[in-house]
Amino acid sequence: MQKSPFIVYESPDGGKTVFARHAGSNERRLVKQNTYEEWNGFALRYDWDGLAERHPAILEQLERLKVLVSLCNE
């Protein structure tokens, strides 16, 4: 049986986890999983201000992130 060229995206939990499957098929693959908890843990593990003081590249990226967050909140 040939796979449909149409892809269906489904989320059983309101967008936190997204699966893709070919139309007419029950076989699906994970596209996106909620990574909020992973990111939150990563962000809390580091002293970003201390790292930025010692590493100019980190300071530069943190400044870019501040600008991006500001633009997203407008």
PDB file of N, CA and C in Angstrom:
ATOM      1  N   MET A   1       0.837  -1.186   0.000  1.00  0.00           N
ATOM      2  CA  MET A   1       0.000   0.000   0.000  1.00  0.00           C
ATOM      3  C   MET A   1       0.884   1.253   0.000  1.00  0.00           C
ATOM      4  N   GLN A   2       0.589   2.180  -0.868  1.00  0.00           N
ATOM      5  CA  GLN A   2       1.365   3.403  -0.990  1.00  0.00           C
ATOM      6  C   GLN A   2       0.905   4.407   0.069  1.00  0.00           C
ATOM      7  N   LYS A   3       1.877   5.104   0.657  1.00  0.00           N
ATOM      8  CA  LYS A   3       1.550   6.108   1.674  1.00  0.00           C
ATOM      9  C   LYS A   3       0.956   7.344   1.021  1.00  0.00           C
ATOM     10  N   SER A   4      -0.002   7.927   1.707  1.00  0.00           N
ATOM     11  CA  SER A   4      -0.616   9.165   1.225  1.00  0.00           C
ATOM     12  C   SER A   4       0.402  10.300   1.308  1.00  0.00           C
ATOM     13  N   PRO A   5       0.389  11.211   0.330  1.00  0.00           N
ATOM     14  CA  PRO A   5       1.294  12.358   0.405  1.00  0.00           C
ATOM     15  C   PRO A   5       0.830  13.385   1.437  1.00  0.00           C
ATOM     16  N   PHE A   6      -0.395  13.222   1.943  1.00  0.00           N
ATOM     17  CA  PHE A   6      -0.944  14.173   2.907  1.00  0.00           C
ATOM     18  C   PHE A   6      -0.564  13.759   4.318  1.00  0.00           C
ATOM     19  N   ILE A   7      -0.083  14.714   5.070  1.00  0.00           N
ATOM     20  CA  ILE A   7       0.335  14.439   6.442  1.00  0.00           C
ATOM     21  C   ILE A   7      -0.666  15.083   7.390  1.00  0.00           C
ATOM     22  N   VAL A   8      -1.046  14.314   8.398  1.00  0.00           N
ATOM     23  CA  VAL A   8      -1.988  14.771   9.418  1.00  0.00           C
ATOM     24  C   VAL A   8      -1.189  14.986  10.700  1.00  0.00           C
ATOM     25  N   TYR A   9      -1.410  16.123  11.336  1.00  0.00           N
ATOM     26  CA  TYR A   9      -0.768  16.421  12.609  1.00  0.00           C
ATOM     27  C   TYR A   9      -1.816  16.325  13.704  1.00  0.00           C
ATOM     28  N   GLU A  10      -1.479  15.623  14.785  1.00  0.00           N
ATOM     29  CA  GLU A  10      -2.420  15.417  15.878  1.00  0.00           C
ATOM     30  C   GLU A  10      -1.734  15.716  17.208  1.00  0.00           C
ATOM     31  N   SER A  11      -2.536  16.229  18.136  1.00  0.00           N
ATOM     32  CA  SER A  11      -2.021  16.492  19.471  1.00  0.00           C
ATOM     33  C   SER A  11      -3.065  16.057  20.492  1.00  0.00           C
ATOM     34  N   PRO A  12      -2.774  15.000  21.234  1.00  0.00           N
ATOM     35  CA  PRO A  12      -3.731  14.523  22.222  1.00  0.00           C
ATOM     36  C   PRO A  12      -3.795  15.383  23.485  1.00  0.00           C
ATOM     37  N   ASP A  13      -2.852  16.312  23.642  1.00  0.00           N
ATOM     38  CA  ASP A  13      -2.784  17.090  24.877  1.00  0.00           C
ATOM     39  C   ASP A  13      -2.773  18.599  24.634  1.00  0.00           C
ATOM     40  N   GLY A  14      -3.463  19.033  23.606  1.00  0.00           N
ATOM     41  CA  GLY A  14      -3.608  20.468  23.365  1.00  0.00           C
ATOM     42  C   GLY A  14      -2.369  21.180  22.867  1.00  0.00           C
ATOM     43  N   GLY A  15      -1.471  20.476  22.200  1.00  0.00           N
ATOM     44  CA  GLY A  15      -0.308  21.120  21.600  1.00  0.00           C
ATOM     45  C   GLY A  15       0.999  20.884  22.325  1.00  0.00           C
ATOM     46  N   LYS A  16       0.967  20.274  23.510  1.00  0.00           N
ATOM     47  CA  LYS A  16       2.213  20.008  24.226  1.00  0.00           C
ATOM     48  C   LYS A  16       3.030  18.934  23.514  1.00  0.00           C
ATOM     49  N   THR A  17       2.339  17.940  22.977  1.00  0.00           N
ATOM     50  CA  THR A  17       2.973  16.866  22.217  1.00  0.00           C
ATOM     51  C   THR A  17       2.291  16.800  20.865  1.00  0.00           C
ATOM     52  N   VAL A  18       3.069  16.730  19.785  1.00  0.00           N
ATOM     53  CA  VAL A  18       2.495  16.707  18.440  1.00  0.00           C
ATOM     54  C   VAL A  18       3.032  15.480  17.701  1.00  0.00           C
ATOM     55  N   PHE A  19       2.110  14.757  17.061  1.00  0.00           N
ATOM     56  CA  PHE A  19       2.456  13.591  16.253  1.00  0.00           C
ATOM     57  C   PHE A  19       2.081  13.864  14.805  1.00  0.00           C
ATOM     58  N   ALA A  20       2.808  13.240  13.884  1.00  0.00           N
ATOM     59  CA  ALA A  20       2.494  13.326  12.458  1.00  0.00           C
ATOM     60  C   ALA A  20       2.272  11.917  11.936  1.00  0.00           C
ATOM     61  N   ARG A  21       1.334  11.777  11.000  1.00  0.00           N
ATOM     62  CA  ARG A  21       1.097  10.491  10.350  1.00  0.00           C
ATOM     63  C   ARG A  21       0.592  10.759   8.945  1.00  0.00           C
ATOM     64  N   HIS A  22       0.787   9.802   8.054  1.00  0.00           N
ATOM     65  CA  HIS A  22       0.238   9.905   6.710  1.00  0.00           C
ATOM     66  C   HIS A  22      -1.263   9.650   6.790  1.00  0.00           C
ATOM     67  N   ALA A  23      -2.039  10.421   6.046  1.00  0.00           N
ATOM     68  CA  ALA A  23      -3.489  10.247   6.040  1.00  0.00           C
ATOM     69  C   ALA A  23      -3.821   8.798   5.698  1.00  0.00           C
ATOM     70  N   GLY A  24      -4.725   8.194   6.468  1.00  0.00           N
ATOM     71  CA  GLY A  24      -5.134   6.814   6.241  1.00  0.00           C
ATOM     72  C   GLY A  24      -4.269   5.794   6.963  1.00  0.00           C
ATOM     73  N   SER A  25      -3.222   6.245   7.632  1.00  0.00           N
ATOM     74  CA  SER A  25      -2.321   5.340   8.345  1.00  0.00           C
ATOM     75  C   SER A  25      -2.475   5.546   9.845  1.00  0.00           C
ATOM     76  N   ASN A  26      -2.221   4.497  10.600  1.00  0.00           N
ATOM     77  CA  ASN A  26      -2.225   4.608  12.059  1.00  0.00           C
ATOM     78  C   ASN A  26      -0.815   4.755  12.614  1.00  0.00           C
ATOM     79  N   GLU A  27       0.188   4.604  11.742  1.00  0.00           N
ATOM     80  CA  GLU A  27       1.581   4.719  12.164  1.00  0.00           C
ATOM     81  C   GLU A  27       1.944   6.194  12.268  1.00  0.00           C
ATOM     82  N   ARG A  28       2.376   6.606  13.448  1.00  0.00           N
ATOM     83  CA  ARG A  28       2.689   8.028  13.649  1.00  0.00           C
ATOM     84  C   ARG A  28       4.077   8.184  14.231  1.00  0.00           C
ATOM     85  N   ARG A  29       4.599   9.413  14.109  1.00  0.00           N
ATOM     86  CA  ARG A  29       5.916   9.715  14.670  1.00  0.00           C
ATOM     87  C   ARG A  29       5.818  10.997  15.488  1.00  0.00           C
ATOM     88  N   LEU A  30       6.638  11.073  16.521  1.00  0.00           N
ATOM     89  CA  LEU A  30       6.670  12.238  17.396  1.00  0.00           C
ATOM     90  C   LEU A  30       7.342  13.397  16.675  1.00  0.00           C
ATOM     91  N   VAL A  31       6.678  14.539  16.648  1.00  0.00           N
ATOM     92  CA  VAL A  31       7.230  15.735  16.011  1.00  0.00           C
ATOM     93  C   VAL A  31       7.752  16.690  17.072  1.00  0.00           C
ATOM     94  N   LYS A  32       6.969  16.895  18.119  1.00  0.00           N
ATOM     95  CA  LYS A  32       7.343  17.865  19.148  1.00  0.00           C
ATOM     96  C   LYS A  32       6.854  17.360  20.492  1.00  0.00           C
ATOM     97  N   GLN A  33       7.707  17.482  21.496  1.00  0.00           N
ATOM     98  CA  GLN A  33       7.311  17.121  22.846  1.00  0.00           C
ATOM     99  C   GLN A  33       7.589  18.311  23.744  1.00  0.00           C
ATOM    100  N   ASN A  34       6.768  18.475  24.756  1.00  0.00           N
ATOM    101  CA  ASN A  34       6.926  19.606  25.656  1.00  0.00           C
ATOM    102  C   ASN A  34       8.307  19.587  26.287  1.00  0.00           C
ATOM    103  N   THR A  35       9.098  20.600  26.019  1.00  0.00           N
ATOM    104  CA  THR A  35      10.449  20.666  26.554  1.00  0.00           C
ATOM    105  C   THR A  35      10.587  21.742  27.619  1.00  0.00           C
ATOM    106  N   TYR A  36       9.454  22.268  28.089  1.00  0.00           N
ATOM    107  CA  TYR A  36       9.486  23.345  29.081  1.00  0.00           C
ATOM    108  C   TYR A  36      10.253  22.922  30.324  1.00  0.00           C
ATOM    109  N   GLU A  37       9.950  21.730  30.846  1.00  0.00           N
ATOM    110  CA  GLU A  37      10.613  21.281  32.070  1.00  0.00           C
ATOM    111  C   GLU A  37      12.105  21.088  31.849  1.00  0.00           C
ATOM    112  N   GLU A  38      12.493  20.551  30.698  1.00  0.00           N
ATOM    113  CA  GLU A  38      13.912  20.387  30.393  1.00  0.00           C
ATOM    114  C   GLU A  38      14.606  21.742  30.331  1.00  0.00           C
ATOM    115  N   TRP A  39      13.989  22.691  29.633  1.00  0.00           N
ATOM    116  CA  TRP A  39      14.590  24.019  29.496  1.00  0.00           C
ATOM    117  C   TRP A  39      14.671  24.712  30.849  1.00  0.00           C
ATOM    118  N   ASN A  40      13.613  24.602  31.638  1.00  0.00           N
ATOM    119  CA  ASN A  40      13.592  25.244  32.947  1.00  0.00           C
ATOM    120  C   ASN A  40      14.732  24.704  33.815  1.00  0.00           C
ATOM    121  N   GLY A  41      14.925  23.385  33.790  1.00  0.00           N
ATOM    122  CA  GLY A  41      16.017  22.781  34.549  1.00  0.00           C
ATOM    123  C   GLY A  41      17.368  23.262  34.062  1.00  0.00           C
ATOM    124  N   PHE A  42      17.536  23.358  32.746  1.00  0.00           N
ATOM    125  CA  PHE A  42      18.788  23.842  32.168  1.00  0.00           C
ATOM    126  C   PHE A  42      19.050  25.280  32.607  1.00  0.00           C
ATOM    127  N   ALA A  43      18.031  26.109  32.511  1.00  0.00           N
ATOM    128  CA  ALA A  43      18.192  27.526  32.851  1.00  0.00           C
ATOM    129  C   ALA A  43      18.547  27.705  34.323  1.00  0.00           C
ATOM    130  N   LEU A  44      17.995  26.873  35.178  1.00  0.00           N
ATOM    131  CA  LEU A  44      18.252  27.009  36.618  1.00  0.00           C
ATOM    132  C   LEU A  44      19.608  26.451  37.046  1.00  0.00           C
ATOM    133  N   ARG A  45      20.215  25.600  36.230  1.00  0.00           N
ATOM    134  CA  ARG A  45      21.490  24.967  36.598  1.00  0.00           C
ATOM    135  C   ARG A  45      22.682  25.915  36.503  1.00  0.00           C
ATOM    136  N   TYR A  46      22.533  27.027  35.849  1.00  0.00           N
ATOM    137  CA  TYR A  46      23.681  27.897  35.599  1.00  0.00           C
ATOM    138  C   TYR A  46      23.473  29.283  36.194  1.00  0.00           C
ATOM    139  N   ASP A  47      24.574  29.862  36.631  1.00  0.00           N
ATOM    140  CA  ASP A  47      24.590  31.251  37.073  1.00  0.00           C
ATOM    141  C   ASP A  47      24.898  32.086  35.831  1.00  0.00           C
ATOM    142  N   TRP A  48      23.859  32.500  35.113  1.00  0.00           N
ATOM    143  CA  TRP A  48      24.046  33.160  33.830  1.00  0.00           C
ATOM    144  C   TRP A  48      24.753  34.500  33.967  1.00  0.00           C
ATOM    145  N   ASP A  49      24.471  35.230  35.035  1.00  0.00           N
ATOM    146  CA  ASP A  49      25.160  36.515  35.227  1.00  0.00           C
ATOM    147  C   ASP A  49      26.654  36.293  35.440  1.00  0.00           C
ATOM    148  N   GLY A  50      27.001  35.292  36.248  1.00  0.00           N
ATOM    149  CA  GLY A  50      28.411  34.989  36.496  1.00  0.00           C
ATOM    150  C   GLY A  50      29.117  34.529  35.231  1.00  0.00           C
ATOM    151  N   LEU A  51      28.442  33.675  34.456  1.00  0.00           N
ATOM    152  CA  LEU A  51      29.032  33.219  33.198  1.00  0.00           C
ATOM    153  C   LEU A  51      29.204  34.371  32.217  1.00  0.00           C
ATOM    154  N   ALA A  52      28.226  35.276  32.182  1.00  0.00           N
ATOM    155  CA  ALA A  52      28.300  36.413  31.264  1.00  0.00           C
ATOM    156  C   ALA A  52      29.455  37.341  31.627  1.00  0.00           C
ATOM    157  N   GLU A  53      29.745  37.475  32.915  1.00  0.00           N
ATOM    158  CA  GLU A  53      30.866  38.319  33.334  1.00  0.00           C
ATOM    159  C   GLU A  53      32.201  37.745  32.866  1.00  0.00           C
ATOM    160  N   ARG A  54      32.307  36.421  32.823  1.00  0.00           N
ATOM    161  CA  ARG A  54      33.562  35.771  32.456  1.00  0.00           C
ATOM    162  C   ARG A  54      33.684  35.477  30.966  1.00  0.00           C
ATOM    163  N   HIS A  55      32.547  35.409  30.266  1.00  0.00           N
ATOM    164  CA  HIS A  55      32.569  35.006  28.861  1.00  0.00           C
ATOM    165  C   HIS A  55      31.798  36.010  28.003  1.00  0.00           C
ATOM    166  N   PRO A  56      32.492  36.843  27.250  1.00  0.00           N
ATOM    167  CA  PRO A  56      31.824  37.846  26.420  1.00  0.00           C
ATOM    168  C   PRO A  56      30.801  37.251  25.442  1.00  0.00           C
ATOM    169  N   ALA A  57      31.051  36.062  24.937  1.00  0.00           N
ATOM    170  CA  ALA A  57      30.110  35.454  23.985  1.00  0.00           C
ATOM    171  C   ALA A  57      28.770  35.163  24.660  1.00  0.00           C
ATOM    172  N   ILE A  58      28.796  34.737  25.916  1.00  0.00           N
ATOM    173  CA  ILE A  58      27.551  34.481  26.643  1.00  0.00           C
ATOM    174  C   ILE A  58      26.835  35.793  26.915  1.00  0.00           C
ATOM    175  N   LEU A  59      27.583  36.819  27.292  1.00  0.00           N
ATOM    176  CA  LEU A  59      26.979  38.132  27.518  1.00  0.00           C
ATOM    177  C   LEU A  59      26.282  38.628  26.261  1.00  0.00           C
ATOM    178  N   GLU A  60      26.936  38.481  25.116  1.00  0.00           N
ATOM    179  CA  GLU A  60      26.356  38.921  23.847  1.00  0.00           C
ATOM    180  C   GLU A  60      25.053  38.170  23.546  1.00  0.00           C
ATOM    181  N   GLN A  61      25.044  36.876  23.753  1.00  0.00           N
ATOM    182  CA  GLN A  61      23.837  36.086  23.469  1.00  0.00           C
ATOM    183  C   GLN A  61      22.711  36.404  24.449  1.00  0.00           C
ATOM    184  N   LEU A  62      23.043  36.648  25.703  1.00  0.00           N
ATOM    185  CA  LEU A  62      22.016  37.035  26.672  1.00  0.00           C
ATOM    186  C   LEU A  62      21.396  38.379  26.310  1.00  0.00           C
ATOM    187  N   GLU A  63      22.212  39.299  25.830  1.00  0.00           N
ATOM    188  CA  GLU A  63      21.686  40.589  25.391  1.00  0.00           C
ATOM    189  C   GLU A  63      20.739  40.398  24.201  1.00  0.00           C
ATOM    190  N   ARG A  64      21.111  39.538  23.265  1.00  0.00           N
ATOM    191  CA  ARG A  64      20.235  39.241  22.117  1.00  0.00           C
ATOM    192  C   ARG A  64      18.920  38.630  22.594  1.00  0.00           C
ATOM    193  N   LEU A  65      19.009  37.726  23.568  1.00  0.00           N
ATOM    194  CA  LEU A  65      17.812  37.093  24.105  1.00  0.00           C
ATOM    195  C   LEU A  65      16.894  38.125  24.755  1.00  0.00           C
ATOM    196  N   LYS A  66      17.454  39.074  25.479  1.00  0.00           N
ATOM    197  CA  LYS A  66      16.646  40.133  26.095  1.00  0.00           C
ATOM    198  C   LYS A  66      15.893  40.933  25.035  1.00  0.00           C
ATOM    199  N   VAL A  67      16.576  41.248  23.938  1.00  0.00           N
ATOM    200  CA  VAL A  67      15.933  41.989  22.845  1.00  0.00           C
ATOM    201  C   VAL A  67      14.802  41.161  22.249  1.00  0.00           C
ATOM    202  N   LEU A  68      15.053  39.887  22.001  1.00  0.00           N
ATOM    203  CA  LEU A  68      14.036  39.007  21.433  1.00  0.00           C
ATOM    204  C   LEU A  68      12.816  38.890  22.346  1.00  0.00           C
ATOM    205  N   VAL A  69      13.043  38.707  23.618  1.00  0.00           N
ATOM    206  CA  VAL A  69      11.930  38.612  24.578  1.00  0.00           C
ATOM    207  C   VAL A  69      11.140  39.917  24.574  1.00  0.00           C
ATOM    208  N   SER A  70      11.830  41.034  24.550  1.00  0.00           N
ATOM    209  CA  SER A  70      11.162  42.330  24.504  1.00  0.00           C
ATOM    210  C   SER A  70      10.286  42.478  23.269  1.00  0.00           C
ATOM    211  N   LEU A  71      10.809  42.080  22.113  1.00  0.00           N
ATOM    212  CA  LEU A  71      10.041  42.167  20.876  1.00  0.00           C
ATOM    213  C   LEU A  71       8.837  41.235  20.897  1.00  0.00           C
ATOM    214  N   CYS A  72       9.000  40.062  21.464  1.00  0.00           N
ATOM    215  CA  CYS A  72       7.882  39.102  21.540  1.00  0.00           C
ATOM    216  C   CYS A  72       6.787  39.581  22.473  1.00  0.00           C
ATOM    217  N   ASN A  73       7.140  40.360  23.466  1.00  0.00           N
ATOM    218  CA  ASN A  73       6.155  40.830  24.436  1.00  0.00           C
ATOM    219  C   ASN A  73       5.415  42.082  23.977  1.00  0.00           C
ATOM    220  N   GLU A  74       5.850  42.677  22.884  1.00  0.00           N
ATOM    221  CA  GLU A  74       5.185  43.888  22.381  1.00  0.00           C
ATOM    222  C   GLU A  74       3.935  43.541  21.613  1.00  0.00           C
TER     223      GLU A  74
END
